[in-house]
Protein backbone atom coordinates (compact mmCIF):
# COMPACT_ATOMS: atom_id res chain seq x y z
CA UNK A 1 -9.88 -76.50 -101.66
CA UNK A 2 -8.27 -72.98 -101.82
CA UNK A 3 -7.68 -70.49 -104.58
CA UNK A 4 -4.27 -68.68 -105.22
CA UNK A 5 -5.11 -66.28 -102.47
CA UNK A 6 -5.53 -68.99 -99.89
CA UNK A 7 -9.32 -68.51 -99.75
CA UNK A 8 -11.49 -71.56 -99.63
CA UNK A 9 -13.63 -72.21 -102.73
CA UNK A 10 -16.19 -74.34 -101.01
CA UNK A 11 -18.47 -74.20 -98.00
CA UNK A 12 -18.26 -77.02 -95.51
CA UNK A 13 -21.49 -76.63 -93.49
CA UNK A 14 -21.22 -80.08 -91.71
CA UNK A 15 -24.05 -80.39 -89.17
CA UNK A 16 -25.50 -77.02 -90.19
CA UNK A 17 -26.91 -78.56 -93.45
CA UNK A 18 -28.96 -80.99 -91.31
CA UNK A 19 -30.74 -78.24 -89.30
CA UNK A 20 -34.15 -77.15 -90.27
CA UNK A 21 -34.52 -73.47 -91.20
CA UNK A 22 -35.07 -71.02 -89.70
CA UNK A 23 -32.35 -71.87 -87.17
CA UNK A 24 -32.81 -70.61 -83.69
CA UNK A 25 -29.57 -70.90 -81.63
CA UNK A 26 -28.56 -70.06 -78.10
CA UNK A 27 -25.88 -67.38 -77.75
CA UNK A 28 -22.75 -68.29 -75.81
CA UNK A 29 -22.41 -66.00 -72.78
CA UNK A 30 -19.47 -66.08 -70.43
CA UNK A 31 -20.30 -67.32 -66.92
CA UNK A 32 -23.94 -67.84 -67.96
CA UNK A 33 -24.16 -70.64 -70.55
CA UNK A 34 -21.70 -72.93 -68.63
CA UNK A 35 -22.14 -76.69 -68.58
CA UNK A 36 -24.58 -76.64 -65.68
CA UNK A 37 -26.95 -74.30 -67.28
CA UNK A 38 -26.66 -75.85 -70.74
CA UNK A 39 -27.48 -79.23 -69.22
CA UNK A 40 -30.64 -77.73 -67.74
CA UNK A 41 -31.50 -76.04 -71.07
CA UNK A 42 -30.95 -79.39 -72.92
CA UNK A 43 -33.27 -81.00 -70.63
CA UNK A 44 -36.21 -78.45 -70.61
CA UNK A 45 -36.01 -76.77 -73.95
CA UNK A 46 -33.09 -77.77 -76.26
CA UNK A 47 -32.33 -75.37 -79.09
CA UNK A 48 -31.16 -76.86 -82.45
CA UNK A 49 -27.47 -76.11 -81.68
CA UNK A 50 -25.55 -75.05 -78.61
CA UNK A 51 -22.26 -73.31 -78.01
CA UNK A 52 -19.75 -73.41 -75.15
CA UNK A 53 -18.53 -70.24 -73.40
CA UNK A 54 -15.76 -68.57 -75.33
CA UNK A 55 -12.14 -69.90 -74.50
CA UNK A 56 -8.82 -68.40 -75.37
CA UNK A 57 -6.79 -70.34 -77.85
CA UNK A 58 -3.64 -68.81 -76.20
CA UNK A 59 -4.65 -70.10 -72.77
CA UNK A 60 -5.40 -73.56 -74.14
CA UNK A 61 -1.85 -73.79 -75.26
CA UNK A 62 -0.42 -72.53 -72.00
CA UNK A 63 0.07 -74.12 -68.54
CA UNK A 64 -3.30 -72.72 -67.62
CA UNK A 65 -4.98 -75.25 -70.07
CA UNK A 66 -6.59 -77.53 -67.31
CA UNK A 67 -8.44 -74.59 -65.78
CA UNK A 68 -9.79 -73.63 -69.20
CA UNK A 69 -10.83 -77.06 -70.20
CA UNK A 70 -13.65 -76.74 -67.58
CA UNK A 71 -15.38 -74.47 -70.12
CA UNK A 72 -15.07 -76.95 -72.83
CA UNK A 73 -16.98 -79.74 -71.01
CA UNK A 74 -20.25 -80.85 -72.64
CA UNK A 75 -22.70 -83.59 -72.61
CA UNK A 76 -24.03 -85.75 -75.44
CA UNK A 77 -27.54 -84.29 -74.89
CA UNK A 78 -26.25 -80.94 -76.17
CA UNK A 79 -25.37 -82.14 -79.72
CA UNK A 80 -24.74 -80.43 -82.06
CA UNK A 81 -22.30 -78.63 -79.75
CA UNK A 82 -19.95 -75.94 -80.98
CA UNK A 83 -16.76 -74.76 -79.25
CA UNK A 84 -16.33 -70.96 -79.28
CA UNK A 85 -12.71 -69.74 -79.24
CA UNK A 86 -10.90 -66.45 -79.53
CA UNK A 87 -7.42 -65.09 -80.04
CA UNK A 88 -5.21 -63.30 -82.59
CA UNK A 89 -2.57 -65.89 -83.62
CA UNK A 90 -3.56 -68.16 -86.60
CA UNK A 91 -1.08 -70.83 -85.55
CA UNK A 92 -2.72 -71.11 -82.24
CA UNK A 93 -6.09 -71.47 -83.86
CA UNK A 94 -4.66 -74.26 -85.96
CA UNK A 95 -3.47 -76.21 -82.88
CA UNK A 96 -6.59 -75.61 -80.83
CA UNK A 97 -8.81 -76.62 -83.70
CA UNK A 98 -6.88 -79.96 -83.84
CA UNK A 99 -7.68 -80.29 -80.10
CA UNK A 100 -11.36 -79.58 -80.54
CA UNK A 101 -11.52 -82.10 -83.33
CA UNK A 102 -10.08 -84.68 -80.95
CA UNK A 103 -12.58 -83.70 -78.28
CA UNK A 104 -15.37 -84.56 -80.75
CA UNK A 105 -17.02 -81.21 -81.11
CA UNK A 106 -19.47 -80.82 -83.90
CA UNK A 107 -18.18 -77.46 -85.01
CA UNK A 108 -15.89 -74.51 -84.16
CA UNK A 109 -17.07 -70.93 -83.80
CA UNK A 110 -14.61 -67.94 -83.78
CA UNK A 111 -15.57 -65.04 -81.62
CA UNK A 112 -14.94 -61.83 -83.61
CA UNK A 113 -17.64 -59.75 -81.75
CA UNK A 114 -16.95 -59.50 -78.02
CA UNK A 115 -16.44 -55.77 -77.35
CA UNK A 116 -14.86 -56.12 -73.95
CA UNK A 117 -11.82 -53.85 -73.53
CA UNK A 118 -9.68 -56.70 -72.04
CA UNK A 119 -10.03 -58.86 -75.18
CA UNK A 120 -9.72 -55.84 -77.59
CA UNK A 121 -6.33 -55.08 -75.95
CA UNK A 122 -5.14 -58.61 -77.07
CA UNK A 123 -6.12 -57.68 -80.72
CA UNK A 124 -8.71 -60.42 -80.60
CA UNK A 125 -12.51 -60.75 -80.90
CA UNK A 126 -14.03 -57.62 -82.42
CA UNK A 127 -10.58 -55.91 -82.64
CA UNK A 128 -10.13 -58.29 -85.73
CA UNK A 129 -12.69 -56.03 -87.63
CA UNK A 130 -9.72 -53.67 -87.85
CA UNK A 131 -7.48 -56.37 -89.31
CA UNK A 132 -9.62 -58.30 -91.92
CA UNK A 133 -6.55 -60.09 -93.47
CA UNK A 134 -5.65 -61.45 -90.13
CA UNK A 135 -9.29 -62.44 -89.46
CA UNK A 136 -9.24 -64.39 -92.78
CA UNK A 137 -5.97 -66.18 -91.77
CA UNK A 138 -7.55 -67.16 -88.45
CA UNK A 139 -10.66 -68.65 -90.12
CA UNK A 140 -8.55 -70.65 -92.62
CA UNK A 141 -6.15 -71.89 -89.95
CA UNK A 142 -9.06 -73.10 -87.73
CA UNK A 143 -10.67 -74.89 -90.63
CA UNK A 144 -7.44 -76.55 -91.61
CA UNK A 145 -6.75 -77.62 -88.01
CA UNK A 146 -10.21 -78.72 -87.54
CA UNK A 147 -9.90 -81.34 -90.26
CA UNK A 148 -13.43 -81.17 -91.53
CA UNK A 149 -15.29 -79.54 -88.71
CA UNK A 150 -17.44 -76.68 -89.91
CA UNK A 151 -16.20 -73.20 -88.82
CA UNK A 152 -18.59 -70.41 -88.15
CA UNK A 153 -17.94 -66.76 -87.06
CA UNK A 154 -19.77 -64.48 -84.74
CA UNK A 155 -19.03 -60.79 -85.33
CA UNK A 156 -20.51 -57.35 -85.35
CA UNK A 157 -21.60 -54.86 -88.10
CA UNK A 158 -18.42 -52.84 -87.63
CA UNK A 159 -16.00 -51.23 -85.09
CA UNK A 160 -17.06 -47.57 -84.81
CA UNK A 161 -19.44 -47.33 -87.69
CA UNK A 162 -21.55 -49.54 -90.01
CA UNK A 163 -18.91 -51.51 -92.05
CA UNK A 164 -21.01 -54.27 -93.49
CA UNK A 165 -20.22 -53.33 -97.15
CA UNK A 166 -16.49 -54.00 -96.50
CA UNK A 167 -16.30 -56.23 -93.40
CA UNK A 168 -19.01 -58.85 -94.29
CA UNK A 169 -17.50 -59.76 -97.66
CA UNK A 170 -14.11 -60.24 -96.08
CA UNK A 171 -15.54 -62.92 -93.91
CA UNK A 172 -17.74 -64.36 -96.54
CA UNK A 173 -14.67 -64.79 -98.77
CA UNK A 174 -13.37 -67.58 -96.41
CA UNK A 175 -16.66 -69.51 -96.73
CA UNK A 176 -17.58 -70.15 -93.18
CA UNK A 177 -20.45 -72.60 -92.54
CA UNK A 178 -22.42 -69.76 -90.85
CA UNK A 179 -22.01 -66.05 -90.03
CA UNK A 180 -23.73 -64.78 -86.84
CA UNK A 181 -23.99 -60.92 -86.87
CA UNK A 182 -24.68 -59.00 -83.63
CA UNK A 183 -26.33 -55.99 -85.19
CA UNK A 184 -24.42 -53.33 -83.41
CA UNK A 185 -20.93 -51.84 -83.73
CA UNK A 186 -18.28 -52.38 -81.20
CA UNK A 187 -18.60 -48.83 -80.05
CA UNK A 188 -22.37 -49.14 -79.40
CA UNK A 189 -21.85 -52.17 -77.06
CA UNK A 190 -25.46 -52.87 -76.08
CA UNK A 191 -26.54 -49.24 -75.47
CA UNK A 192 -28.56 -48.77 -78.58
CA UNK A 193 -31.34 -50.99 -80.22
CA UNK A 194 -29.94 -53.62 -82.52
CA UNK A 195 -30.01 -52.59 -86.25
CA UNK A 196 -32.19 -55.30 -87.72
CA UNK A 197 -32.94 -52.99 -90.64
CA UNK A 198 -29.43 -53.92 -91.97
CA UNK A 199 -30.16 -57.55 -92.18
CA UNK A 200 -31.70 -57.42 -95.74
CA UNK A 201 -28.57 -55.76 -96.93
CA UNK A 202 -26.37 -58.41 -95.34
CA UNK A 203 -28.36 -61.03 -97.02
CA UNK A 204 -27.97 -59.22 -100.35
CA UNK A 205 -24.17 -59.00 -99.78
CA UNK A 206 -24.19 -62.73 -99.02
CA UNK A 207 -26.18 -63.67 -102.08
CA UNK A 208 -23.99 -61.44 -104.22
CA UNK A 209 -20.71 -62.85 -102.89
CA UNK A 210 -21.60 -66.42 -102.32
CA UNK A 211 -25.05 -67.17 -103.66
CA UNK A 212 -28.05 -68.27 -101.67
CA UNK A 213 -26.21 -71.59 -100.85
CA UNK A 214 -23.41 -69.67 -99.30
CA UNK A 215 -22.82 -69.33 -95.59
CA UNK A 216 -25.96 -69.19 -93.33
CA UNK A 217 -26.69 -65.86 -91.88
CA UNK A 218 -28.15 -65.51 -88.34
CA UNK A 219 -29.00 -62.24 -86.72
CA UNK A 220 -28.44 -61.51 -83.09
CA UNK A 221 -29.58 -58.69 -80.76
CA UNK A 222 -32.60 -57.87 -78.64
CA UNK A 223 -34.61 -60.83 -79.51
CA UNK A 224 -36.16 -62.27 -76.28
CA UNK A 225 -38.60 -65.02 -77.49
CA UNK A 226 -39.12 -67.52 -80.42
CA UNK A 227 -42.06 -65.49 -81.52
CA UNK A 228 -39.91 -62.35 -81.91
CA UNK A 229 -37.21 -64.49 -83.67
CA UNK A 230 -39.77 -65.91 -86.05
CA UNK A 231 -40.90 -62.27 -86.92
CA UNK A 232 -37.37 -61.19 -87.49
CA UNK A 233 -36.75 -64.05 -90.00
CA UNK A 234 -40.07 -63.11 -91.75
CA UNK A 235 -39.18 -59.37 -91.90
CA UNK A 236 -35.51 -59.76 -92.86
CA UNK A 237 -35.08 -63.04 -94.72
CA UNK A 238 -32.28 -64.21 -92.62
CA UNK A 239 -31.58 -67.97 -92.09
CA UNK A 240 -32.08 -67.76 -88.31
CA UNK A 241 -31.70 -65.87 -85.10
CA UNK A 242 -29.36 -66.31 -82.09
CA UNK A 243 -31.08 -65.59 -78.80
CA UNK A 244 -29.29 -64.65 -75.62
CA UNK A 245 -30.71 -62.82 -72.71
CA UNK A 246 -34.12 -64.24 -73.05
CA UNK A 247 -32.65 -67.55 -71.62
CA UNK A 248 -32.13 -66.03 -68.19
CA UNK A 249 -34.50 -67.72 -65.73
CA UNK A 250 -36.15 -69.47 -68.67
CA UNK A 251 -34.46 -72.77 -69.81
CA UNK A 252 -37.89 -73.40 -71.66
CA UNK A 253 -37.20 -70.64 -74.04
CA UNK A 254 -36.83 -72.82 -77.08
CA UNK A 255 -39.60 -75.20 -76.18
CA UNK A 256 -42.38 -72.56 -75.97
CA UNK A 257 -43.52 -73.94 -72.66
CA UNK A 258 -44.76 -71.32 -70.22
CA UNK A 259 -43.67 -72.55 -66.74
CA UNK A 260 -45.48 -71.88 -63.53
CA UNK A 261 -43.70 -70.09 -60.62
CA UNK A 262 -43.42 -73.38 -58.88
CA UNK A 263 -41.85 -75.00 -61.89
CA UNK A 264 -39.33 -72.14 -62.21
CA UNK A 265 -38.33 -72.49 -58.61
CA UNK A 266 -37.92 -76.25 -58.69
CA UNK A 267 -35.69 -75.92 -61.78
CA UNK A 268 -33.75 -73.07 -60.18
CA UNK A 269 -32.98 -75.39 -57.18
CA UNK A 270 -32.07 -78.25 -59.69
CA UNK A 271 -29.82 -75.79 -61.59
CA UNK A 272 -28.17 -74.70 -58.35
CA UNK A 273 -27.31 -78.25 -57.25
CA UNK A 274 -25.99 -79.11 -60.73
CA UNK A 275 -23.80 -75.91 -60.69
CA UNK A 276 -22.50 -76.87 -57.19
CA UNK A 277 -21.67 -80.42 -58.34
CA UNK A 278 -20.05 -79.39 -61.61
CA UNK A 279 -17.97 -76.47 -60.42
CA UNK A 280 -17.23 -77.21 -56.73
CA UNK A 281 -13.71 -75.65 -56.00
CA UNK A 282 -13.54 -74.24 -59.58
CA UNK A 283 -16.12 -71.40 -59.75
CA UNK A 284 -17.48 -69.13 -57.02
CA UNK A 285 -21.00 -69.89 -55.90
CA UNK A 286 -21.76 -66.11 -56.59
CA UNK A 287 -21.54 -66.92 -60.37
CA UNK A 288 -24.78 -68.96 -59.96
CA UNK A 289 -26.40 -66.08 -58.12
CA UNK A 290 -26.77 -63.96 -61.31
CA UNK A 291 -29.53 -66.31 -62.43
CA UNK A 292 -31.76 -65.76 -59.34
CA UNK A 293 -33.05 -62.35 -60.31
CA UNK A 294 -34.70 -63.98 -63.45
CA UNK A 295 -35.89 -67.20 -61.85
CA UNK A 296 -37.37 -65.29 -58.85
CA UNK A 297 -39.60 -62.69 -60.43
CA UNK A 298 -43.16 -61.93 -61.42
CA UNK A 299 -44.94 -62.89 -58.17
CA UNK A 300 -45.71 -61.30 -54.76
CA UNK A 301 -42.85 -61.53 -52.52
CA UNK A 302 -40.18 -62.21 -55.20
CA UNK A 303 -38.08 -59.24 -54.23
CA UNK A 304 -37.80 -60.27 -50.64
CA UNK A 305 -36.80 -63.92 -51.64
CA UNK A 306 -34.12 -62.57 -54.02
CA UNK A 307 -32.69 -60.45 -51.29
CA UNK A 308 -32.52 -63.53 -49.07
CA UNK A 309 -30.88 -65.57 -51.70
CA UNK A 310 -28.27 -62.93 -52.43
CA UNK A 311 -27.49 -62.21 -48.83
CA UNK A 312 -27.77 -65.77 -47.26
CA UNK A 313 -27.24 -68.48 -49.79
CA UNK A 314 -23.81 -70.00 -49.90
CA UNK A 315 -24.69 -73.42 -50.99
CA UNK A 316 -27.47 -75.20 -53.00
CA UNK A 317 -28.89 -76.53 -49.73
CA UNK A 318 -29.30 -72.89 -48.65
CA UNK A 319 -31.17 -72.04 -51.77
CA UNK A 320 -33.51 -74.99 -51.28
CA UNK A 321 -34.12 -74.12 -47.71
CA UNK A 322 -34.94 -70.55 -48.44
CA UNK A 323 -37.24 -71.45 -51.29
CA UNK A 324 -39.11 -74.07 -49.32
CA UNK A 325 -39.60 -71.69 -46.47
CA UNK A 326 -41.63 -69.46 -48.78
CA UNK A 327 -43.14 -72.25 -50.92
CA UNK A 328 -43.75 -75.22 -48.58
CA UNK A 329 -45.64 -77.06 -51.17
CA UNK A 330 -42.44 -77.58 -53.14
CA UNK A 331 -41.48 -80.09 -50.44
CA UNK A 332 -44.03 -82.51 -51.68
C-alpha cells in the first residue's frame, strides 16, 4: 500500500520477523563471500541470515547475464539468503527483482553503500546518497518487482559528512524491512574508526519516523567478533550487527567455536577444493589466495607456509601438498 507520494505505508519484514534479536549477519564482500566460502560458513558457523555478493542489475539484463548469475548461486543450507544488487535505474531493479523472486531468494538487499569509484561513476551504490529521490524510487521498484520479498538497504552515514538527519529519514520513508548502516561516510572509506556513537541517534530517528516496529537497524563497521557485536548492541540499542572482516580465515565466527591450527588448515584445504570445483574456468585461482593470510596465521612457521602457498599453489592439490608437508599429521 502506498500513499499519494508513492511511499509505502507498511513494512513487509518477511523472514526478518522470524529472526531472534539481536540479529548478527554476515556482510557481503565481493570476491570473498562467494558460494564456496558461504557453503563452508554455513557448515561450520552459520549466521542467522546470509547475503550474496553484490550484482549489477544492468548486467543481469545484458548479454553478460550468464557470467553474473554465478554470483547468485546459493544452497538451501544458506537460508534465509538475500540477493544484494546495485544500479541506478528503477526499471531495472523492478525487472531484476522479478528474476530474484523466481530464483526463490528470501529477500533483496540494495547496495547504497559501496564507496568504490567505479560504481560511483555509474551513479549507483553510495552515489545514491546524493540523489535521495532516485534512491526511494529504486527501493519501491524493487519491492514491487519482488512481489512480496522483503527489501533491505545497506548504506553509509553520508557522502562527505554525517548526513543521518536527512539521509536516514529518506530511506526510512520507503519502509524497508531492514536498514544496515556502515558507520562511516563515503569519503572516509575505511580509513577512520566506525562512528558507533551515532547509532543511538539513528535509532531515535527510526523511532521518530517509523516507531519501534519500523525497519530493523543493524550497525556495521570494525566489529570482529560476536562478543564485540553483543557489546555494540548493548551500548547503542540497535537491533543487530553486520560483521565482515572477522570472517576471514574464521568460518566459525558465528558459532563461537575456537578452532585449533589443524582444524583451520583442514578447513582451508576443504574450502580450496570447493572453490576449485565451483569456479573452475570462471574465477582465477588467485581469488582464493586472499584467504590464506588469515587461515595460515598465529603459529610458528606460518609466514613461510603462506609464502609457499602464494608462490607455488596453482591448484587445490598444490595447497594440500604444501600443508601436508608441514603438518604430516593432517594426512591421518
